[in-house]
Amino acid sequence: STNYADSVKGRFTISRDNAKNTVYLLMNSLKPEDTAVYY
């Protein structure tokens, strides 16, 4: 189950692979205001 900030809805997609203990974030249609350190 996913939840997104309003500012990224429709542009970003979060996913995970439990077998690999890995989470992903696909960022599309990037804007200058997306500039940040991502944690």
Full PDB file with SEQRES, HELIX, SHEET, SSBOND, CRYST1, ORIGX, SCALE, CONECT and MASTER records, all heavy atoms in Angstrom:
SEQRES   1 A   39  SER THR ASN TYR ALA ASP SER VAL LYS GLY ARG PHE THR          
SEQRES   2 A   39  ILE SER ARG ASP ASN ALA LYS ASN THR VAL TYR LEU LEU          
SEQRES   3 A   39  MET ASN SER LEU LYS PRO GLU ASP THR ALA VAL TYR TYR          
HELIX    1 AA1 ASN A   18  LYS A   20  5                                   3    
HELIX    2 AA2 PRO A   32  ASP A   34  5                                   3    
SHEET    1 AA1 2 PHE A  12  ASP A  17  0                                        
SHEET    2 AA1 2 THR A  22  MET A  27 -1                                        
CRYST1    1.000    1.000    1.000  90.00  90.00  90.00 P 1           1          
ORIGX1      1.000000  0.000000  0.000000        0.00000                         
ORIGX2      0.000000  1.000000  0.000000        0.00000                         
ORIGX3      0.000000  0.000000  1.000000        0.00000                         
SCALE1      1.000000  0.000000  0.000000        0.00000                         
SCALE2      0.000000  1.000000  0.000000        0.00000                         
SCALE3      0.000000  0.000000  1.000000        0.00000                         
ATOM      1  N   SER A   1       0.836  -1.188   0.000  1.00  0.00           N  
ATOM      2  CA  SER A   1       0.000   0.000   0.000  1.00  0.00           C  
ATOM      3  C   SER A   1       0.876   1.246   0.000  1.00  0.00           C  
ATOM      4  O   SER A   1       1.847   1.329   0.751  1.00  0.00           O  
ATOM      5  CB  SER A   1      -0.928   0.019   1.214  1.00  0.00           C  
ATOM      6  OG  SER A   1      -1.831  -1.073   1.174  1.00  0.00           O  
ATOM      7  N   THR A   2       0.521   2.216  -0.821  1.00  0.00           N  
ATOM      8  CA  THR A   2       1.362   3.395  -1.003  1.00  0.00           C  
ATOM      9  C   THR A   2       0.653   4.665  -0.587  1.00  0.00           C  
ATOM     10  O   THR A   2      -0.575   4.746  -0.575  1.00  0.00           O  
ATOM     11  CB  THR A   2       1.810   3.526  -2.463  1.00  0.00           C  
ATOM     12  OG1 THR A   2       0.652   3.621  -3.311  1.00  0.00           O  
ATOM     13  CG2 THR A   2       2.629   2.319  -2.883  1.00  0.00           C  
ATOM     14  N   ASN A   3       1.456   5.663  -0.282  1.00  0.00           N  
ATOM     15  CA  ASN A   3       0.962   6.984   0.050  1.00  0.00           C  
ATOM     16  C   ASN A   3       1.960   8.003  -0.475  1.00  0.00           C  
ATOM     17  O   ASN A   3       3.174   7.803  -0.354  1.00  0.00           O  
ATOM     18  CB  ASN A   3       0.789   7.141   1.558  1.00  0.00           C  
ATOM     19  CG  ASN A   3       0.148   8.456   1.939  1.00  0.00           C  
ATOM     20  OD1 ASN A   3      -0.917   8.799   1.443  1.00  0.00           O  
ATOM     21  ND2 ASN A   3       0.796   9.201   2.829  1.00  0.00           N  
ATOM     22  N   TYR A   4       1.446   9.090  -1.060  1.00  0.00           N  
ATOM     23  CA  TYR A   4       2.303  10.094  -1.676  1.00  0.00           C  
ATOM     24  C   TYR A   4       1.964  11.482  -1.177  1.00  0.00           C  
ATOM     25  O   TYR A   4       0.805  11.792  -0.883  1.00  0.00           O  
ATOM     26  CB  TYR A   4       2.153  10.090  -3.197  1.00  0.00           C  
ATOM     27  CG  TYR A   4       2.565   8.812  -3.873  1.00  0.00           C  
ATOM     28  CD1 TYR A   4       1.641   7.796  -4.105  1.00  0.00           C  
ATOM     29  CD2 TYR A   4       3.878   8.617  -4.288  1.00  0.00           C  
ATOM     30  CE1 TYR A   4       2.021   6.624  -4.731  1.00  0.00           C  
ATOM     31  CE2 TYR A   4       4.261   7.450  -4.912  1.00  0.00           C  
ATOM     32  CZ  TYR A   4       3.329   6.452  -5.133  1.00  0.00           C  
ATOM     33  OH  TYR A   4       3.698   5.282  -5.761  1.00  0.00           O  
ATOM     34  N   ALA A   5       2.985  12.315  -1.112  1.00  0.00           N  
ATOM     35  CA  ALA A   5       2.748  13.726  -0.896  1.00  0.00           C  
ATOM     36  C   ALA A   5       2.013  14.299  -2.100  1.00  0.00           C  
ATOM     37  O   ALA A   5       2.218  13.866  -3.239  1.00  0.00           O  
ATOM     38  CB  ALA A   5       4.066  14.461  -0.687  1.00  0.00           C  
ATOM     39  N   ASP A   6       1.160  15.284  -1.853  1.00  0.00           N  
ATOM     40  CA  ASP A   6       0.390  15.865  -2.943  1.00  0.00           C  
ATOM     41  C   ASP A   6       1.285  16.429  -4.047  1.00  0.00           C  
ATOM     42  O   ASP A   6       0.935  16.388  -5.230  1.00  0.00           O  
ATOM     43  CB  ASP A   6      -0.521  16.978  -2.416  1.00  0.00           C  
ATOM     44  CG  ASP A   6      -1.683  16.438  -1.613  1.00  0.00           C  
ATOM     45  OD1 ASP A   6      -2.002  15.242  -1.746  1.00  0.00           O  
ATOM     46  OD2 ASP A   6      -2.281  17.220  -0.850  1.00  0.00           O  
ATOM     47  N   SER A   7       2.435  16.930  -3.673  1.00  0.00           N  
ATOM     48  CA  SER A   7       3.319  17.564  -4.634  1.00  0.00           C  
ATOM     49  C   SER A   7       3.931  16.594  -5.640  1.00  0.00           C  
ATOM     50  O   SER A   7       4.445  17.028  -6.674  1.00  0.00           O  
ATOM     51  CB  SER A   7       4.441  18.310  -3.906  1.00  0.00           C  
ATOM     52  OG  SER A   7       5.203  17.426  -3.108  1.00  0.00           O  
ATOM     53  N   VAL A   8       3.881  15.294  -5.352  1.00  0.00           N  
ATOM     54  CA  VAL A   8       4.500  14.325  -6.248  1.00  0.00           C  
ATOM     55  C   VAL A   8       3.509  13.326  -6.820  1.00  0.00           C  
ATOM     56  O   VAL A   8       3.898  12.494  -7.654  1.00  0.00           O  
ATOM     57  CB  VAL A   8       5.653  13.571  -5.557  1.00  0.00           C  
ATOM     58  CG1 VAL A   8       6.659  14.546  -4.964  1.00  0.00           C  
ATOM     59  CG2 VAL A   8       5.127  12.618  -4.483  1.00  0.00           C  
ATOM     60  N   LYS A   9       2.264  13.388  -6.415  1.00  0.00           N  
ATOM     61  CA  LYS A   9       1.265  12.457  -6.924  1.00  0.00           C  
ATOM     62  C   LYS A   9       1.152  12.562  -8.440  1.00  0.00           C  
ATOM     63  O   LYS A   9       1.105  13.646  -9.001  1.00  0.00           O  
ATOM     64  CB  LYS A   9      -0.095  12.726  -6.283  1.00  0.00           C  
ATOM     65  CG  LYS A   9      -0.221  12.241  -4.861  1.00  0.00           C  
ATOM     66  CD  LYS A   9      -1.619  12.498  -4.307  1.00  0.00           C  
ATOM     67  CE  LYS A   9      -1.746  11.977  -2.887  1.00  0.00           C  
ATOM     68  NZ  LYS A   9      -3.084  12.268  -2.315  1.00  0.00           N  
ATOM     69  N   GLY A  10       1.112  11.417  -9.073  1.00  0.00           N  
ATOM     70  CA  GLY A  10       1.031  11.374 -10.520  1.00  0.00           C  
ATOM     71  C   GLY A  10       2.364  11.461 -11.214  1.00  0.00           C  
ATOM     72  O   GLY A  10       2.435  11.237 -12.433  1.00  0.00           O  
ATOM     73  N   ARG A  11       3.421  11.787 -10.484  1.00  0.00           N  
ATOM     74  CA  ARG A  11       4.752  11.906 -11.073  1.00  0.00           C  
ATOM     75  C   ARG A  11       5.732  10.871 -10.526  1.00  0.00           C  
ATOM     76  O   ARG A  11       6.577  10.381 -11.266  1.00  0.00           O  
ATOM     77  CB  ARG A  11       5.330  13.304 -10.839  1.00  0.00           C  
ATOM     78  CG  ARG A  11       4.497  14.427 -11.447  1.00  0.00           C  
ATOM     79  CD  ARG A  11       5.236  15.760 -11.372  1.00  0.00           C  
ATOM     80  NE  ARG A  11       5.482  16.175  -9.991  1.00  0.00           N  
ATOM     81  CZ  ARG A  11       6.687  16.413  -9.485  1.00  0.00           C  
ATOM     82  NH1 ARG A  11       7.765  16.276 -10.252  1.00  0.00           N  
ATOM     83  NH2 ARG A  11       6.822  16.810  -8.227  1.00  0.00           N  
ATOM     84  N   PHE A  12       5.629  10.569  -9.240  1.00  0.00           N  
ATOM     85  CA  PHE A  12       6.554   9.641  -8.592  1.00  0.00           C  
ATOM     86  C   PHE A  12       5.858   8.314  -8.318  1.00  0.00           C  
ATOM     87  O   PHE A  12       4.647   8.267  -8.062  1.00  0.00           O  
ATOM     88  CB  PHE A  12       7.062  10.203  -7.264  1.00  0.00           C  
ATOM     89  CG  PHE A  12       7.976  11.389  -7.378  1.00  0.00           C  
ATOM     90  CD1 PHE A  12       8.170  12.051  -8.579  1.00  0.00           C  
ATOM     91  CD2 PHE A  12       8.650  11.852  -6.248  1.00  0.00           C  
ATOM     92  CE1 PHE A  12       9.013  13.146  -8.677  1.00  0.00           C  
ATOM     93  CE2 PHE A  12       9.490  12.939  -6.332  1.00  0.00           C  
ATOM     94  CZ  PHE A  12       9.675  13.595  -7.541  1.00  0.00           C  
ATOM     95  N   THR A  13       6.624   7.248  -8.327  1.00  0.00           N  
ATOM     96  CA  THR A  13       6.116   5.923  -8.011  1.00  0.00           C  
ATOM     97  C   THR A  13       7.071   5.234  -7.054  1.00  0.00           C  
ATOM     98  O   THR A  13       8.263   5.103  -7.346  1.00  0.00           O  
ATOM     99  CB  THR A  13       5.948   5.059  -9.268  1.00  0.00           C  
ATOM    100  OG1 THR A  13       5.061   5.708 -10.187  1.00  0.00           O  
ATOM    101  CG2 THR A  13       5.365   3.701  -8.902  1.00  0.00           C  
ATOM    102  N   ILE A  14       6.554   4.799  -5.919  1.00  0.00           N  
ATOM    103  CA  ILE A  14       7.348   4.047  -4.959  1.00  0.00           C  
ATOM    104  C   ILE A  14       7.012   2.566  -5.094  1.00  0.00           C  
ATOM    105  O   ILE A  14       5.859   2.190  -5.327  1.00  0.00           O  
ATOM    106  CB  ILE A  14       7.111   4.546  -3.516  1.00  0.00           C  
ATOM    107  CG1 ILE A  14       8.096   3.888  -2.548  1.00  0.00           C  
ATOM    108  CG2 ILE A  14       5.669   4.319  -3.074  1.00  0.00           C  
ATOM    109  CD1 ILE A  14       8.059   4.486  -1.143  1.00  0.00           C  
ATOM    110  N   SER A  15       8.009   1.730  -4.962  1.00  0.00           N  
ATOM    111  CA  SER A  15       7.814   0.288  -5.035  1.00  0.00           C  
ATOM    112  C   SER A  15       8.853  -0.386  -4.149  1.00  0.00           C  
ATOM    113  O   SER A  15       9.801   0.251  -3.684  1.00  0.00           O  
ATOM    114  CB  SER A  15       7.911  -0.218  -6.478  1.00  0.00           C  
ATOM    115  OG  SER A  15       9.187   0.056  -7.028  1.00  0.00           O  
ATOM    116  N   ARG A  16       8.676  -1.675  -3.920  1.00  0.00           N  
ATOM    117  CA  ARG A  16       9.627  -2.395  -3.086  1.00  0.00           C  
ATOM    118  C   ARG A  16       9.730  -3.847  -3.525  1.00  0.00           C  
ATOM    119  O   ARG A  16       8.807  -4.407  -4.130  1.00  0.00           O  
ATOM    120  CB  ARG A  16       9.236  -2.323  -1.602  1.00  0.00           C  
ATOM    121  CG  ARG A  16       7.921  -3.014  -1.259  1.00  0.00           C  
ATOM    122  CD  ARG A  16       7.501  -2.713   0.177  1.00  0.00           C  
ATOM    123  NE  ARG A  16       8.312  -3.412   1.158  1.00  0.00           N  
ATOM    124  CZ  ARG A  16       8.280  -3.177   2.471  1.00  0.00           C  
ATOM    125  NH1 ARG A  16       7.485  -2.216   2.950  1.00  0.00           N  
ATOM    126  NH2 ARG A  16       9.047  -3.873   3.296  1.00  0.00           N  
ATOM    127  N   ASP A  17      10.848  -4.440  -3.198  1.00  0.00           N  
ATOM    128  CA  ASP A  17      11.102  -5.847  -3.422  1.00  0.00           C  
ATOM    129  C   ASP A  17      11.464  -6.430  -2.070  1.00  0.00           C  
ATOM    130  O   ASP A  17      12.579  -6.242  -1.584  1.00  0.00           O  
ATOM    131  CB  ASP A  17      12.224  -6.044  -4.439  1.00  0.00           C  
ATOM    132  CG  ASP A  17      12.427  -7.497  -4.819  1.00  0.00           C  
ATOM    133  OD1 ASP A  17      12.106  -8.388  -4.013  1.00  0.00           O  
ATOM    134  OD2 ASP A  17      12.916  -7.756  -5.936  1.00  0.00           O  
ATOM    135  N   ASN A  18      10.526  -7.117  -1.458  1.00  0.00           N  
ATOM    136  CA  ASN A  18      10.746  -7.630  -0.109  1.00  0.00           C  
ATOM    137  C   ASN A  18      11.864  -8.671  -0.054  1.00  0.00           C  
ATOM    138  O   ASN A  18      12.582  -8.764   0.940  1.00  0.00           O  
ATOM    139  CB  ASN A  18       9.451  -8.219   0.448  1.00  0.00           C  
ATOM    140  CG  ASN A  18       8.410  -7.164   0.741  1.00  0.00           C  
ATOM    141  OD1 ASN A  18       8.730  -5.994   0.964  1.00  0.00           O  
ATOM    142  ND2 ASN A  18       7.144  -7.568   0.746  1.00  0.00           N  
ATOM    143  N   ALA A  19      11.999  -9.453  -1.107  1.00  0.00           N  
ATOM    144  CA  ALA A  19      13.044 -10.464  -1.137  1.00  0.00           C  
ATOM    145  C   ALA A  19      14.431  -9.838  -1.141  1.00  0.00           C  
ATOM    146  O   ALA A  19      15.396 -10.442  -0.673  1.00  0.00           O  
ATOM    147  CB  ALA A  19      12.872 -11.380  -2.344  1.00  0.00           C  
ATOM    148  N   LYS A  20      14.533  -8.622  -1.677  1.00  0.00           N  
ATOM    149  CA  LYS A  20      15.809  -7.931  -1.756  1.00  0.00           C  
ATOM    150  C   LYS A  20      15.959  -6.842  -0.702  1.00  0.00           C  
ATOM    151  O   LYS A  20      16.983  -6.162  -0.673  1.00  0.00           O  
ATOM    152  CB  LYS A  20      15.994  -7.319  -3.141  1.00  0.00           C  
ATOM    153  CG  LYS A  20      16.047  -8.335  -4.267  1.00  0.00           C  
ATOM    154  CD  LYS A  20      16.235  -7.649  -5.611  1.00  0.00           C  
ATOM    155  CE  LYS A  20      16.320  -8.662  -6.734  1.00  0.00           C  
ATOM    156  NZ  LYS A  20      16.482  -8.002  -8.052  1.00  0.00           N  
ATOM    157  N   ASN A  21      14.943  -6.662   0.138  1.00  0.00           N  
ATOM    158  CA  ASN A  21      14.961  -5.607   1.155  1.00  0.00           C  
ATOM    159  C   ASN A  21      15.279  -4.247   0.534  1.00  0.00           C  
ATOM    160  O   ASN A  21      16.067  -3.467   1.075  1.00  0.00           O  
ATOM    161  CB  ASN A  21      15.963  -5.933   2.263  1.00  0.00           C  
ATOM    162  CG  ASN A  21      15.533  -7.108   3.111  1.00  0.00           C  
ATOM    163  OD1 ASN A  21      14.341  -7.330   3.328  1.00  0.00           O  
ATOM    164  ND2 ASN A  21      16.499  -7.860   3.612  1.00  0.00           N  
ATOM    165  N   THR A  22      14.644  -3.985  -0.573  1.00  0.00           N  
ATOM    166  CA  THR A  22      14.957  -2.791  -1.342  1.00  0.00           C  
ATOM    167  C   THR A  22      13.690  -2.003  -1.658  1.00  0.00           C  
ATOM    168  O   THR A  22      12.655  -2.588  -1.984  1.00  0.00           O  
ATOM    169  CB  THR A  22      15.670  -3.160  -2.652  1.00  0.00           C  
ATOM    170  OG1 THR A  22      16.891  -3.845  -2.350  1.00  0.00           O  
ATOM    171  CG2 THR A  22      16.000  -1.917  -3.465  1.00  0.00           C  
ATOM    172  N   VAL A  23      13.797  -0.696  -1.568  1.00  0.00           N  
ATOM    173  CA  VAL A  23      12.718   0.199  -1.939  1.00  0.00           C  
ATOM    174  C   VAL A  23      13.212   1.106  -3.059  1.00  0.00           C  
ATOM    175  O   VAL A  23      14.386   1.490  -3.087  1.00  0.00           O  
ATOM    176  CB  VAL A  23      12.209   1.016  -0.731  1.00  0.00           C  
ATOM    177  CG1 VAL A  23      13.306   1.915  -0.167  1.00  0.00           C  
ATOM    178  CG2 VAL A  23      10.973   1.826  -1.107  1.00  0.00           C  
ATOM    179  N   TYR A  24      12.307   1.436  -3.974  1.00  0.00           N  
ATOM    180  CA  TYR A  24      12.649   2.228  -5.141  1.00  0.00           C  
ATOM    181  C   TYR A  24      11.753   3.458  -5.216  1.00  0.00           C  
ATOM    182  O   TYR A  24      10.634   3.462  -4.717  1.00  0.00           O  
ATOM    183  CB  TYR A  24      12.470   1.424  -6.428  1.00  0.00           C  
ATOM    184  CG  TYR A  24      13.161   0.087  -6.435  1.00  0.00           C  
ATOM    185  CD1 TYR A  24      12.511  -1.053  -5.972  1.00  0.00           C  
ATOM    186  CD2 TYR A  24      14.465  -0.044  -6.909  1.00  0.00           C  
ATOM    187  CE1 TYR A  24      13.136  -2.288  -5.984  1.00  0.00           C  
ATOM    188  CE2 TYR A  24      15.098  -1.274  -6.929  1.00  0.00           C  
ATOM    189  CZ  TYR A  24      14.429  -2.394  -6.463  1.00  0.00           C  
ATOM    190  OH  TYR A  24      15.054  -3.614  -6.477  1.00  0.00           O  
ATOM    191  N   LEU A  25      12.252   4.460  -5.875  1.00  0.00           N  
ATOM    192  CA  LEU A  25      11.451   5.637  -6.172  1.00  0.00           C  
ATOM    193  C   LEU A  25      11.741   6.061  -7.600  1.00  0.00           C  
ATOM    194  O   LEU A  25      12.868   6.453  -7.922  1.00  0.00           O  
ATOM    195  CB  LEU A  25      11.761   6.786  -5.204  1.00  0.00           C  
ATOM    196  CG  LEU A  25      10.883   8.024  -5.357  1.00  0.00           C  
ATOM    197  CD1 LEU A  25       9.448   7.726  -4.927  1.00  0.00           C  
ATOM    198  CD2 LEU A  25      11.448   9.197  -4.557  1.00  0.00           C  
ATOM    199  N   LEU A  26      10.729   5.965  -8.442  1.00  0.00           N  
ATOM    200  CA  LEU A  26      10.837   6.418  -9.818  1.00  0.00           C  
ATOM    201  C   LEU A  26      10.245   7.810  -9.905  1.00  0.00           C  
ATOM    202  O   LEU A  26       9.072   8.008  -9.576  1.00  0.00           O  
ATOM    203  CB  LEU A  26      10.111   5.461 -10.764  1.00  0.00           C  
ATOM    204  CG  LEU A  26      10.018   5.885 -12.231  1.00  0.00           C  
ATOM    205  CD1 LEU A  26      11.401   6.045 -12.839  1.00  0.00           C  
ATOM    206  CD2 LEU A  26       9.181   4.902 -13.022  1.00  0.00           C  
ATOM    207  N   MET A  27      11.038   8.759 -10.351  1.00  0.00           N  
ATOM    208  CA  MET A  27      10.632  10.154 -10.414  1.00  0.00           C  
ATOM    209  C   MET A  27      10.543  10.589 -11.867  1.00  0.00           C  
ATOM    210  O   MET A  27      11.548  10.593 -12.585  1.00  0.00           O  
ATOM    211  CB  MET A  27      11.625  11.030  -9.648  1.00  0.00           C  
ATOM    212  CG  MET A  27      11.731  10.676  -8.168  1.00  0.00           C  
ATOM    213  SD  MET A  27      13.007  11.626  -7.292  1.00  0.00           S  
ATOM    214  CE  MET A  27      14.476  10.766  -7.882  1.00  0.00           C  
ATOM    215  N   ASN A  28       9.356  10.932 -12.290  1.00  0.00           N  
ATOM    216  CA  ASN A  28       9.114  11.414 -13.642  1.00  0.00           C  
ATOM    217  C   ASN A  28       8.710  12.881 -13.620  1.00  0.00           C  
ATOM    218  O   ASN A  28       8.304  13.416 -12.590  1.00  0.00           O  
ATOM    219  CB  ASN A  28       8.012  10.594 -14.316  1.00  0.00           C  
ATOM    220  CG  ASN A  28       8.403   9.160 -14.562  1.00  0.00           C  
ATOM    221  OD1 ASN A  28       9.523   8.865 -14.950  1.00  0.00           O  
ATOM    222  ND2 ASN A  28       7.454   8.243 -14.339  1.00  0.00           N  
ATOM    223  N   SER A  29       8.814  13.515 -14.771  1.00  0.00           N  
ATOM    224  CA  SER A  29       8.416  14.921 -14.917  1.00  0.00           C  
ATOM    225  C   SER A  29       9.007  15.787 -13.818  1.00  0.00           C  
ATOM    226  O   SER A  29       8.311  16.574 -13.169  1.00  0.00           O  
ATOM    227  CB  SER A  29       6.886  15.032 -14.929  1.00  0.00           C  
ATOM    228  OG  SER A  29       6.321  14.257 -15.961  1.00  0.00           O  
ATOM    229  N   LEU A  30      10.280  15.662 -13.623  1.00  0.00           N  
ATOM    230  CA  LEU A  30      10.947  16.348 -12.526  1.00  0.00           C  
ATOM    231  C   LEU A  30      10.928  17.862 -12.706  1.00  0.00           C  
ATOM    232  O   LEU A  30      11.030  18.378 -13.821  1.00  0.00           O  
ATOM    233  CB  LEU A  30      12.379  15.853 -12.388  1.00  0.00           C  
ATOM    234  CG  LEU A  30      12.508  14.485 -11.700  1.00  0.00           C  
ATOM    235  CD1 LEU A  30      13.860  13.859 -11.988  1.00  0.00           C  
ATOM    236  CD2 LEU A  30      12.294  14.627 -10.198  1.00  0.00           C  
ATOM    237  N   LYS A  31      10.800  18.539 -11.587  1.00  0.00           N  
ATOM    238  CA  LYS A  31      10.762  19.994 -11.534  1.00  0.00           C  
ATOM    239  C   LYS A  31      11.921  20.509 -10.693  1.00  0.00           C  
ATOM    240  O   LYS A  31      12.430  19.797  -9.832  1.00  0.00           O  
ATOM    241  CB  LYS A  31       9.441  20.468 -10.915  1.00  0.00           C  
ATOM    242  CG  LYS A  31       8.197  19.936 -11.594  1.00  0.00           C  
ATOM    243  CD  LYS A  31       6.951  20.338 -10.817  1.00  0.00           C  
ATOM    244  CE  LYS A  31       5.700  19.796 -11.463  1.00  0.00           C  
ATOM    245  NZ  LYS A  31       4.478  20.169 -10.691  1.00  0.00           N  
ATOM    246  N   PRO A  32      12.340  21.751 -10.912  1.00  0.00           N  
ATOM    247  CA  PRO A  32      13.417  22.300 -10.074  1.00  0.00           C  
ATOM    248  C   PRO A  32      13.111  22.225  -8.583  1.00  0.00           C  
ATOM    249  O   PRO A  32      14.034  22.031  -7.784  1.00  0.00           O  
ATOM    250  CB  PRO A  32      13.523  23.748 -10.557  1.00  0.00           C  
ATOM    251  CG  PRO A  32      13.090  23.692 -11.979  1.00  0.00           C  
ATOM    252  CD  PRO A  32      11.985  22.665 -12.005  1.00  0.00           C  
ATOM    253  N   GLU A  33      11.852  22.362  -8.217  1.00  0.00           N  
ATOM    254  CA  GLU A  33      11.494  22.299  -6.809  1.00  0.00           C  
ATOM    255  C   GLU A  33      11.618  20.903  -6.212  1.00  0.00           C  
ATOM    256  O   GLU A  33      11.471  20.732  -4.998  1.00  0.00           O  
ATOM    257  CB  GLU A  33      10.075  22.842  -6.575  1.00  0.00           C  
ATOM    258  CG  GLU A  33       9.036  22.269  -7.510  1.00  0.00           C  
ATOM    259  CD  GLU A  33       8.756  23.164  -8.706  1.00  0.00           C  
ATOM    260  OE1 GLU A  33       9.725  23.632  -9.333  1.00  0.00           O  
ATOM    261  OE2 GLU A  33       7.564  23.399  -9.000  1.00  0.00           O  
ATOM    262  N   ASP A  34      11.884  19.895  -7.037  1.00  0.00           N  
ATOM    263  CA  ASP A  34      12.166  18.562  -6.532  1.00  0.00           C  
ATOM    264  C   ASP A  34      13.608  18.419  -6.051  1.00  0.00           C  
ATOM    265  O   ASP A  34      13.965  17.387  -5.468  1.00  0.00           O  
ATOM    266  CB  ASP A  34      11.893  17.504  -7.601  1.00  0.00           C  
ATOM    267  CG  ASP A  34      10.427  17.410  -7.982  1.00  0.00           C  
ATOM    268  OD1 ASP A  34       9.570  17.458  -7.077  1.00  0.00           O  
ATOM    269  OD2 ASP A  34      10.135  17.283  -9.189  1.00  0.00           O  
ATOM    270  N   THR A  35      14.422  19.417  -6.316  1.00  0.00           N  
ATOM    271  CA  THR A  35      15.817  19.377  -5.906  1.00  0.00           C  
ATOM    272  C   THR A  35      15.927  19.273  -4.391  1.00  0.00           C  
ATOM    273  O   THR A  35      15.385  20.099  -3.656  1.00  0.00           O  
ATOM    274  CB  THR A  35      16.563  20.622  -6.392  1.00  0.00           C  
ATOM    275  OG1 THR A  35      16.574  20.640  -7.824  1.00  0.00           O  
ATOM    276  CG2 THR A  35      17.999  20.626  -5.891  1.00  0.00           C  
ATOM    277  N   ALA A  36      16.624  18.256  -3.924  1.00  0.00           N  
ATOM    278  CA  ALA A  36      16.756  18.009  -2.495  1.00  0.00           C  
ATOM    279  C   ALA A  36      17.673  16.815  -2.284  1.00  0.00           C  
ATOM    280  O   ALA A  36      18.030  16.109  -3.230  1.00  0.00           O  
ATOM    281  CB  ALA A  36      15.391  17.732  -1.853  1.00  0.00           C  
ATOM    282  N   VAL A  37      18.027  16.604  -1.040  1.00  0.00           N  
ATOM    283  CA  VAL A  37      18.645  15.350  -0.645  1.00  0.00           C  
ATOM    284  C   VAL A  37      17.530  14.385  -0.290  1.00  0.00           C  
ATOM    285  O   VAL A  37      16.668  14.699   0.535  1.00  0.00           O  
ATOM    286  CB  VAL A  37      19.603  15.523   0.545  1.00  0.00           C  
ATOM    287  CG1 VAL A  37      20.164  14.170   0.977  1.00  0.00           C  
ATOM    288  CG2 VAL A  37      20.733  16.473   0.181  1.00  0.00           C  
ATOM    289  N   TYR A  38      17.535  13.236  -0.914  1.00  0.00           N  
ATOM    290  CA  TYR A  38      16.500  12.235  -0.702  1.00  0.00           C  
ATOM    291  C   TYR A  38      17.008  11.166   0.248  1.00  0.00           C  
ATOM    292  O   TYR A  38      18.075  10.584   0.042  1.00  0.00           O  
ATOM    293  CB  TYR A  38      16.077  11.616  -2.040  1.00  0.00           C  
ATOM    294  CG  TYR A  38      15.179  12.524  -2.837  1.00  0.00           C  
ATOM    295  CD1 TYR A  38      15.678  13.683  -3.419  1.00  0.00           C  
ATOM    296  CD2 TYR A  38      13.827  12.231  -3.002  1.00  0.00           C  
ATOM    297  CE1 TYR A  38      14.855  14.531  -4.134  1.00  0.00           C  
ATOM    298  CE2 TYR A  38      12.998  13.075  -3.720  1.00  0.00           C  
ATOM    299  CZ  TYR A  38      13.514  14.223  -4.284  1.00  0.00           C  
ATOM    300  OH  TYR A  38      12.692  15.066  -5.002  1.00  0.00           O  
ATOM    301  N   TYR A  39      16.223  10.905   1.281  1.00  0.00           N  
ATOM    302  CA  TYR A  39      16.596   9.963   2.319  1.00  0.00           C  
ATOM    303  C   TYR A  39      15.650   8.765   2.326  1.00  0.00           C  
ATOM    304  O   TYR A  39      14.431   8.926   2.266  1.00  0.00           O  
ATOM    305  CB  TYR A  39      16.549  10.612   3.702  1.00  0.00           C  
ATOM    306  CG  TYR A  39      17.534  11.726   3.908  1.00  0.00           C  
ATOM    307  CD1 TYR A  39      17.187  13.047   3.640  1.00  0.00           C  
ATOM    308  CD2 TYR A  39      18.819  11.465   4.385  1.00  0.00           C  
ATOM    309  CE1 TYR A  39      18.089  14.075   3.841  1.00  0.00           C  
ATOM    310  CE2 TYR A  39      19.729  12.486   4.585  1.00  0.00           C  
ATOM    311  CZ  TYR A  39      19.354  13.791   4.313  1.00  0.00           C  
ATOM    312  OH  TYR A  39      20.245  14.812   4.514  1.00  0.00           O  
TER     313      TYR A  39                                                      
MASTER        0    0    0    2    2    0    0    6  312    1    0    3          
END                                                                             
